[in-house]
Amino acid sequence: MTMASLTPLDLAALLCSRVCHDVISPVGAIINGLEVLDGEQDEEMRAVAMELIKKSAISASARLQFCRLAFGAAGSFGSLIDTGDAEKAARDLFANGRTVLEWGGGRRMASRSSVKLLLNLCLIAAGAVHRGGVIAVDISGEGNEMMIRVEARGTNARLSHSAADFLSNALPKEPIDGHSIQLYFTTLLAHECQATLNVSTSPENVTLTAAPAPRLGDSEMVAARSTGGSPAAG
């Protein structure tokens, strides 16, 4: 479906599909481990199955906690969220993979949409380093002036064409589906936060930034009103 035809129900359905996709792998591994325990008498094999169940349960929990903050309604409506909670969710998500997370900027309280935007940029950055690498996060500013910078470093680090299209505000060439919904959701979050997304690339490096959109000054506001116009939303 195209961006123009994506209804709120479509958005909800595709985001649910994305969450299920992220969680189904470790849940399936837990089931496999339980099946081994059910029919295996060899103690060594049972120990291997228990280890698989343990690791998969930890992974499933980490993914669910991350998705709750990145896509869900964590906290009460209108409340602020500690970015330390976002850091913990991201660290737990990447803990058992080949990606190393570097988190800078210190803890601060931020809007729920800002935290969602931060975590979704981390997901996009992780997707740019399929073979593993470093995800470096830096946060500066407070409130509506908060700036987010997420850098992906690794062998052959690059964004897919669809990711580049979405984040550059170009019209995507492909319909929105379960694979691209997270990118589209990220642009919605940036709009909600009145932030401008920017992408820069170099060999083995992709940098994503979300910066506060420029706002009209007092003189510009007066000029806009005097000409019968109205200031555009960031």
C-alpha atoms as a PDB file:
ATOM      1  CA  MET A   1       0.000   0.000   0.000  1.00  0.00           C
ATOM      2  CA  THR A   2       1.185   3.539  -0.723  1.00  0.00           C
ATOM      3  CA  MET A   3       1.796   6.265   1.824  1.00  0.00           C
ATOM      4  CA  ALA A   4      -1.351   8.059   0.650  1.00  0.00           C
ATOM      5  CA  SER A   5      -3.533   4.979   1.269  1.00  0.00           C
ATOM      6  CA  LEU A   6      -2.031   3.991   4.633  1.00  0.00           C
ATOM      7  CA  THR A   7      -4.870   4.323   7.136  1.00  0.00           C
ATOM      8  CA  PRO A   8      -4.454   4.301  10.934  1.00  0.00           C
ATOM      9  CA  LEU A   9      -5.653   0.684  10.927  1.00  0.00           C
ATOM     10  CA  ASP A  10      -3.083  -0.206   8.254  1.00  0.00           C
ATOM     11  CA  LEU A  11      -0.371   1.473  10.324  1.00  0.00           C
ATOM     12  CA  ALA A  12      -1.377  -0.423  13.475  1.00  0.00           C
ATOM     13  CA  ALA A  13      -1.556  -3.743  11.613  1.00  0.00           C
ATOM     14  CA  LEU A  14       1.842  -3.325   9.964  1.00  0.00           C
ATOM     15  CA  LEU A  15       3.507  -2.273  13.231  1.00  0.00           C
ATOM     16  CA  CYS A  16       2.028  -5.338  14.946  1.00  0.00           C
ATOM     17  CA  SER A  17       3.428  -7.487  12.149  1.00  0.00           C
ATOM     18  CA  ARG A  18       6.840  -5.903  12.657  1.00  0.00           C
ATOM     19  CA  VAL A  19       6.810  -6.630  16.395  1.00  0.00           C
ATOM     20  CA  CYS A  20       5.716 -10.232  15.791  1.00  0.00           C
ATOM     21  CA  HIS A  21       8.506 -10.650  13.247  1.00  0.00           C
ATOM     22  CA  ASP A  22      11.075  -9.472  15.786  1.00  0.00           C
ATOM     23  CA  VAL A  23       9.847 -11.773  18.556  1.00  0.00           C
ATOM     24  CA  ILE A  24       8.916 -14.952  16.705  1.00  0.00           C
ATOM     25  CA  SER A  25      12.502 -16.177  16.231  1.00  0.00           C
ATOM     26  CA  PRO A  26      13.442 -16.476  19.946  1.00  0.00           C
ATOM     27  CA  VAL A  27       9.956 -17.775  20.801  1.00  0.00           C
ATOM     28  CA  GLY A  28      10.360 -20.475  18.161  1.00  0.00           C
ATOM     29  CA  ALA A  29      13.738 -21.394  19.638  1.00  0.00           C
ATOM     30  CA  ILE A  30      12.126 -21.775  23.084  1.00  0.00           C
ATOM     31  CA  ILE A  31       9.565 -24.170  21.620  1.00  0.00           C
ATOM     32  CA  ASN A  32      12.339 -26.177  19.947  1.00  0.00           C
ATOM     33  CA  GLY A  33      14.194 -26.428  23.245  1.00  0.00           C
ATOM     34  CA  LEU A  34      11.071 -27.600  25.069  1.00  0.00           C
ATOM     35  CA  GLU A  35      10.491 -30.281  22.437  1.00  0.00           C
ATOM     36  CA  VAL A  36      14.033 -31.560  22.976  1.00  0.00           C
ATOM     37  CA  LEU A  37      13.489 -31.689  26.744  1.00  0.00           C
ATOM     38  CA  ASP A  38      10.229 -33.555  26.261  1.00  0.00           C
ATOM     39  CA  GLY A  39      11.749 -36.428  24.312  1.00  0.00           C
ATOM     40  CA  GLU A  40      15.467 -36.442  25.172  1.00  0.00           C
ATOM     41  CA  GLN A  41      16.967 -38.563  27.943  1.00  0.00           C
ATOM     42  CA  ASP A  42      20.637 -37.719  27.363  1.00  0.00           C
ATOM     43  CA  GLU A  43      21.704 -35.296  30.102  1.00  0.00           C
ATOM     44  CA  GLU A  44      24.176 -33.454  27.867  1.00  0.00           C
ATOM     45  CA  MET A  45      21.511 -32.790  25.233  1.00  0.00           C
ATOM     46  CA  ARG A  46      19.051 -31.704  27.918  1.00  0.00           C
ATOM     47  CA  ALA A  47      21.622 -29.234  29.233  1.00  0.00           C
ATOM     48  CA  VAL A  48      22.089 -27.831  25.719  1.00  0.00           C
ATOM     49  CA  ALA A  49      18.312 -27.498  25.353  1.00  0.00           C
ATOM     50  CA  MET A  50      18.022 -25.672  28.688  1.00  0.00           C
ATOM     51  CA  GLU A  51      20.758 -23.253  27.655  1.00  0.00           C
ATOM     52  CA  LEU A  52      18.933 -22.602  24.380  1.00  0.00           C
ATOM     53  CA  ILE A  53      15.686 -21.945  26.251  1.00  0.00           C
ATOM     54  CA  LYS A  54      17.413 -19.584  28.675  1.00  0.00           C
ATOM     55  CA  LYS A  55      19.160 -17.537  25.981  1.00  0.00           C
ATOM     56  CA  SER A  56      16.043 -17.395  23.815  1.00  0.00           C
ATOM     57  CA  ALA A  57      13.849 -16.286  26.724  1.00  0.00           C
ATOM     58  CA  ILE A  58      16.297 -13.477  27.532  1.00  0.00           C
ATOM     59  CA  SER A  59      16.334 -12.453  23.869  1.00  0.00           C
ATOM     60  CA  ALA A  60      12.541 -12.479  23.593  1.00  0.00           C
ATOM     61  CA  SER A  61      12.208 -10.395  26.752  1.00  0.00           C
ATOM     62  CA  ALA A  62      14.785  -7.866  25.507  1.00  0.00           C
ATOM     63  CA  ARG A  63      13.017  -7.539  22.164  1.00  0.00           C
ATOM     64  CA  LEU A  64       9.632  -7.051  23.786  1.00  0.00           C
ATOM     65  CA  GLN A  65      10.964  -4.419  26.190  1.00  0.00           C
ATOM     66  CA  PHE A  66      12.614  -2.587  23.300  1.00  0.00           C
ATOM     67  CA  CYS A  67       9.465  -2.741  21.157  1.00  0.00           C
ATOM     68  CA  ARG A  68       7.365  -1.478  24.062  1.00  0.00           C
ATOM     69  CA  LEU A  69       9.441   1.725  24.166  1.00  0.00           C
ATOM     70  CA  ALA A  70      10.075   2.046  20.418  1.00  0.00           C
ATOM     71  CA  PHE A  71       6.538   1.320  19.181  1.00  0.00           C
ATOM     72  CA  GLY A  72       4.190   1.102  22.152  1.00  0.00           C
ATOM     73  CA  ALA A  73       2.618   3.376  24.730  1.00  0.00           C
ATOM     74  CA  ALA A  74       5.199   3.116  27.500  1.00  0.00           C
ATOM     75  CA  GLY A  75       4.369   5.459  30.365  1.00  0.00           C
ATOM     76  CA  SER A  76       1.207   7.524  30.735  1.00  0.00           C
ATOM     77  CA  PHE A  77       0.091   9.865  27.970  1.00  0.00           C
ATOM     78  CA  GLY A  78       1.905  13.192  28.090  1.00  0.00           C
ATOM     79  CA  SER A  79       4.525  11.924  30.536  1.00  0.00           C
ATOM     80  CA  LEU A  80       8.275  12.219  30.067  1.00  0.00           C
ATOM     81  CA  ILE A  81      10.534   9.173  29.809  1.00  0.00           C
ATOM     82  CA  ASP A  82      14.066   8.798  31.145  1.00  0.00           C
ATOM     83  CA  THR A  83      16.508   8.235  28.275  1.00  0.00           C
ATOM     84  CA  GLY A  84      18.318   5.891  30.659  1.00  0.00           C
ATOM     85  CA  ASP A  85      15.416   3.483  30.132  1.00  0.00           C
ATOM     86  CA  ALA A  86      15.965   3.723  26.383  1.00  0.00           C
ATOM     87  CA  GLU A  87      19.681   3.058  26.838  1.00  0.00           C
ATOM     88  CA  LYS A  88      18.983  -0.063  28.911  1.00  0.00           C
ATOM     89  CA  ALA A  89      16.479  -1.363  26.346  1.00  0.00           C
ATOM     90  CA  ALA A  90      18.990  -0.826  23.529  1.00  0.00           C
ATOM     91  CA  ARG A  91      21.860  -2.421  25.452  1.00  0.00           C
ATOM     92  CA  ASP A  92      19.757  -5.472  26.257  1.00  0.00           C
ATOM     93  CA  LEU A  93      18.681  -5.771  22.618  1.00  0.00           C
ATOM     94  CA  PHE A  94      22.268  -5.730  21.300  1.00  0.00           C
ATOM     95  CA  ALA A  95      23.798  -7.639  24.227  1.00  0.00           C
ATOM     96  CA  ASN A  96      24.111 -11.029  22.541  1.00  0.00           C
ATOM     97  CA  GLY A  97      24.851  -9.899  18.996  1.00  0.00           C
ATOM     98  CA  ARG A  98      27.854  -8.723  17.048  1.00  0.00           C
ATOM     99  CA  THR A  99      26.941  -5.074  17.482  1.00  0.00           C
ATOM    100  CA  VAL A 100      28.537  -2.945  20.194  1.00  0.00           C
ATOM    101  CA  LEU A 101      26.543  -0.014  21.582  1.00  0.00           C
ATOM    102  CA  GLU A 102      28.278   3.200  22.667  1.00  0.00           C
ATOM    103  CA  TRP A 103      25.913   5.607  24.441  1.00  0.00           C
ATOM    104  CA  GLY A 104      26.831   9.209  25.193  1.00  0.00           C
ATOM    105  CA  GLY A 105      25.160  12.419  26.228  1.00  0.00           C
ATOM    106  CA  GLY A 106      23.987  11.592  29.741  1.00  0.00           C
ATOM    107  CA  ARG A 107      20.509  10.821  31.037  1.00  0.00           C
ATOM    108  CA  ARG A 108      17.662  13.281  30.631  1.00  0.00           C
ATOM    109  CA  MET A 109      13.895  13.326  30.576  1.00  0.00           C
ATOM    110  CA  ALA A 110      12.407  13.443  27.099  1.00  0.00           C
ATOM    111  CA  SER A 111       8.999  13.187  25.485  1.00  0.00           C
ATOM    112  CA  ARG A 112       7.715   9.746  24.605  1.00  0.00           C
ATOM    113  CA  SER A 113       7.876  10.559  20.878  1.00  0.00           C
ATOM    114  CA  SER A 114      11.509  11.688  21.205  1.00  0.00           C
ATOM    115  CA  VAL A 115      12.463   8.425  22.913  1.00  0.00           C
ATOM    116  CA  LYS A 116      10.650   6.451  20.220  1.00  0.00           C
ATOM    117  CA  LEU A 117      12.500   8.401  17.544  1.00  0.00           C
ATOM    118  CA  LEU A 118      15.821   7.733  19.280  1.00  0.00           C
ATOM    119  CA  LEU A 119      15.245   3.972  19.467  1.00  0.00           C
ATOM    120  CA  ASN A 120      13.951   3.733  15.908  1.00  0.00           C
ATOM    121  CA  LEU A 121      17.086   5.493  14.660  1.00  0.00           C
ATOM    122  CA  CYS A 122      19.091   2.879  16.582  1.00  0.00           C
ATOM    123  CA  LEU A 123      17.205   0.131  14.725  1.00  0.00           C
ATOM    124  CA  ILE A 124      17.898   1.744  11.368  1.00  0.00           C
ATOM    125  CA  ALA A 125      21.579   2.130  12.268  1.00  0.00           C
ATOM    126  CA  ALA A 126      21.759  -1.533  13.303  1.00  0.00           C
ATOM    127  CA  GLY A 127      20.290  -2.484   9.946  1.00  0.00           C
ATOM    128  CA  ALA A 128      23.127  -0.608   8.241  1.00  0.00           C
ATOM    129  CA  VAL A 129      25.768  -2.922   9.768  1.00  0.00           C
ATOM    130  CA  HIS A 130      24.489  -6.406   8.961  1.00  0.00           C
ATOM    131  CA  ARG A 131      27.858  -8.004   9.746  1.00  0.00           C
ATOM    132  CA  GLY A 132      28.143  -6.309  13.107  1.00  0.00           C
ATOM    133  CA  GLY A 133      29.921  -3.154  14.144  1.00  0.00           C
ATOM    134  CA  VAL A 134      29.482  -0.192  16.457  1.00  0.00           C
ATOM    135  CA  ILE A 135      26.354   1.875  17.067  1.00  0.00           C
ATOM    136  CA  ALA A 136      27.341   5.198  18.661  1.00  0.00           C
ATOM    137  CA  VAL A 137      24.531   7.299  20.170  1.00  0.00           C
ATOM    138  CA  ASP A 138      24.905  10.918  21.228  1.00  0.00           C
ATOM    139  CA  ILE A 139      22.155  13.086  22.716  1.00  0.00           C
ATOM    140  CA  SER A 140      22.397  16.833  23.326  1.00  0.00           C
ATOM    141  CA  GLY A 141      19.963  19.554  24.275  1.00  0.00           C
ATOM    142  CA  GLU A 142      16.794  19.390  26.326  1.00  0.00           C
ATOM    143  CA  GLY A 143      13.081  19.289  25.634  1.00  0.00           C
ATOM    144  CA  ASN A 144      12.084  20.525  22.192  1.00  0.00           C
ATOM    145  CA  GLU A 145      15.723  21.378  21.450  1.00  0.00           C
ATOM    146  CA  MET A 146      17.020  17.837  21.929  1.00  0.00           C
ATOM    147  CA  MET A 147      19.271  16.640  19.125  1.00  0.00           C
ATOM    148  CA  ILE A 148      19.905  12.967  18.394  1.00  0.00           C
ATOM    149  CA  ARG A 149      22.894  11.588  16.537  1.00  0.00           C
ATOM    150  CA  VAL A 150      23.256   7.861  15.820  1.00  0.00           C
ATOM    151  CA  GLU A 151      26.308   6.593  13.959  1.00  0.00           C
ATOM    152  CA  ALA A 152      26.774   3.091  12.528  1.00  0.00           C
ATOM    153  CA  ARG A 153      30.351   1.960  11.915  1.00  0.00           C
ATOM    154  CA  GLY A 154      31.277  -1.377  10.400  1.00  0.00           C
ATOM    155  CA  THR A 155      32.325  -3.316   7.330  1.00  0.00           C
ATOM    156  CA  ASN A 156      30.213  -2.358   4.312  1.00  0.00           C
ATOM    157  CA  ALA A 157      27.999  -0.103   6.438  1.00  0.00           C
ATOM    158  CA  ARG A 158      25.241   1.273   4.244  1.00  0.00           C
ATOM    159  CA  LEU A 159      21.538   2.022   4.167  1.00  0.00           C
ATOM    160  CA  SER A 160      19.188   0.210   1.848  1.00  0.00           C
ATOM    161  CA  HIS A 161      17.726   2.236  -1.018  1.00  0.00           C
ATOM    162  CA  SER A 162      14.306   2.179   0.633  1.00  0.00           C
ATOM    163  CA  ALA A 163      15.736   3.505   3.915  1.00  0.00           C
ATOM    164  CA  ALA A 164      17.541   6.301   2.099  1.00  0.00           C
ATOM    165  CA  ASP A 165      14.328   7.197   0.235  1.00  0.00           C
ATOM    166  CA  PHE A 166      12.217   7.344   3.384  1.00  0.00           C
ATOM    167  CA  LEU A 167      14.703   9.317   5.464  1.00  0.00           C
ATOM    168  CA  SER A 168      15.437  11.818   2.683  1.00  0.00           C
ATOM    169  CA  ASN A 169      11.700  12.526   2.308  1.00  0.00           C
ATOM    170  CA  ALA A 170      11.816  11.193  -1.236  1.00  0.00           C
ATOM    171  CA  LEU A 171       8.751   9.343  -2.472  1.00  0.00           C
ATOM    172  CA  PRO A 172       9.429   5.629  -1.859  1.00  0.00           C
ATOM    173  CA  LYS A 173       9.538   3.517  -4.997  1.00  0.00           C
ATOM    174  CA  GLU A 174       7.982   0.508  -3.245  1.00  0.00           C
ATOM    175  CA  PRO A 175       4.676   0.211  -1.329  1.00  0.00           C
ATOM    176  CA  ILE A 176       4.811   0.292   2.447  1.00  0.00           C
ATOM    177  CA  ASP A 177       4.822  -3.220   3.883  1.00  0.00           C
ATOM    178  CA  GLY A 178       6.001  -5.083   6.987  1.00  0.00           C
ATOM    179  CA  HIS A 179       9.629  -4.481   6.025  1.00  0.00           C
ATOM    180  CA  SER A 180       9.390  -0.720   5.456  1.00  0.00           C
ATOM    181  CA  ILE A 181       6.791   0.218   8.082  1.00  0.00           C
ATOM    182  CA  GLN A 182       9.457   0.945  10.699  1.00  0.00           C
ATOM    183  CA  LEU A 183      11.098   3.479   8.369  1.00  0.00           C
ATOM    184  CA  TYR A 184       7.771   5.159   7.698  1.00  0.00           C
ATOM    185  CA  PHE A 185       6.987   5.200  11.421  1.00  0.00           C
ATOM    186  CA  THR A 186      10.340   6.918  12.041  1.00  0.00           C
ATOM    187  CA  THR A 187       9.409   9.756   9.680  1.00  0.00           C
ATOM    188  CA  LEU A 188       6.057  10.127  11.484  1.00  0.00           C
ATOM    189  CA  LEU A 189       7.906  10.402  14.797  1.00  0.00           C
ATOM    190  CA  ALA A 190      10.270  13.027  13.394  1.00  0.00           C
ATOM    191  CA  HIS A 191       7.284  15.065  12.222  1.00  0.00           C
ATOM    192  CA  GLU A 192       5.632  14.701  15.626  1.00  0.00           C
ATOM    193  CA  CYS A 193       8.847  15.905  17.301  1.00  0.00           C
ATOM    194  CA  GLN A 194       9.194  18.765  14.779  1.00  0.00           C
ATOM    195  CA  ALA A 195      12.607  17.397  13.906  1.00  0.00           C
ATOM    196  CA  THR A 196      14.500  17.247  10.621  1.00  0.00           C
ATOM    197  CA  LEU A 197      16.096  13.925   9.674  1.00  0.00           C
ATOM    198  CA  ASN A 198      19.483  13.943   7.970  1.00  0.00           C
ATOM    199  CA  VAL A 199      21.619  11.119   6.625  1.00  0.00           C
ATOM    200  CA  SER A 200      25.318  11.215   5.791  1.00  0.00           C
ATOM    201  CA  THR A 201      27.408   8.311   4.541  1.00  0.00           C
ATOM    202  CA  SER A 202      31.075   7.558   4.025  1.00  0.00           C
ATOM    203  CA  PRO A 203      32.995   4.310   3.589  1.00  0.00           C
ATOM    204  CA  GLU A 204      32.007   2.005   6.468  1.00  0.00           C
ATOM    205  CA  ASN A 205      30.020   4.761   8.192  1.00  0.00           C
ATOM    206  CA  VAL A 206      26.382   5.881   8.268  1.00  0.00           C
ATOM    207  CA  THR A 207      25.302   8.812  10.433  1.00  0.00           C
ATOM    208  CA  LEU A 208      21.669   9.600  11.229  1.00  0.00           C
ATOM    209  CA  THR A 209      20.659  12.835  12.929  1.00  0.00           C
ATOM    210  CA  ALA A 210      17.372  14.245  14.154  1.00  0.00           C
ATOM    211  CA  ALA A 211      17.697  17.973  14.781  1.00  0.00           C
ATOM    212  CA  PRO A 212      15.039  20.493  15.832  1.00  0.00           C
ATOM    213  CA  ALA A 213      13.452  21.973  12.719  1.00  0.00           C
ATOM    214  CA  PRO A 214      14.159  25.702  12.224  1.00  0.00           C
ATOM    215  CA  ARG A 215      11.457  27.878  13.721  1.00  0.00           C
ATOM    216  CA  LEU A 216      10.352  31.278  12.497  1.00  0.00           C
ATOM    217  CA  GLY A 217      11.625  34.239  14.492  1.00  0.00           C
ATOM    218  CA  ASP A 218       9.402  37.084  15.673  1.00  0.00           C
ATOM    219  CA  SER A 219      10.150  39.254  12.604  1.00  0.00           C
ATOM    220  CA  GLU A 220       9.397  36.352  10.272  1.00  0.00           C
ATOM    221  CA  MET A 221       6.120  35.663  12.102  1.00  0.00           C
ATOM    222  CA  VAL A 222       5.089  39.324  11.665  1.00  0.00           C
ATOM    223  CA  ALA A 223       6.043  39.235   7.980  1.00  0.00           C
ATOM    224  CA  ALA A 224       4.059  36.038   7.443  1.00  0.00           C
ATOM    225  CA  ARG A 225       0.949  37.535   9.043  1.00  0.00           C
ATOM    226  CA  SER A 226       1.273  40.838   7.161  1.00  0.00           C
ATOM    227  CA  THR A 227       1.252  38.985   3.842  1.00  0.00           C
ATOM    228  CA  GLY A 228      -1.792  36.985   4.816  1.00  0.00           C
ATOM    229  CA  GLY A 229       0.177  33.790   5.272  1.00  0.00           C
ATOM    230  CA  SER A 230       0.694  31.579   8.252  1.00  0.00           C
ATOM    231  CA  PRO A 231       3.931  30.024   9.484  1.00  0.00           C
ATOM    232  CA  ALA A 232       4.409  26.431   8.391  1.00  0.00           C
ATOM    233  CA  ALA A 233       4.749  23.705  10.964  1.00  0.00           C
ATOM    234  CA  GLY A 234       8.208  22.239  11.401  1.00  0.00           C
END
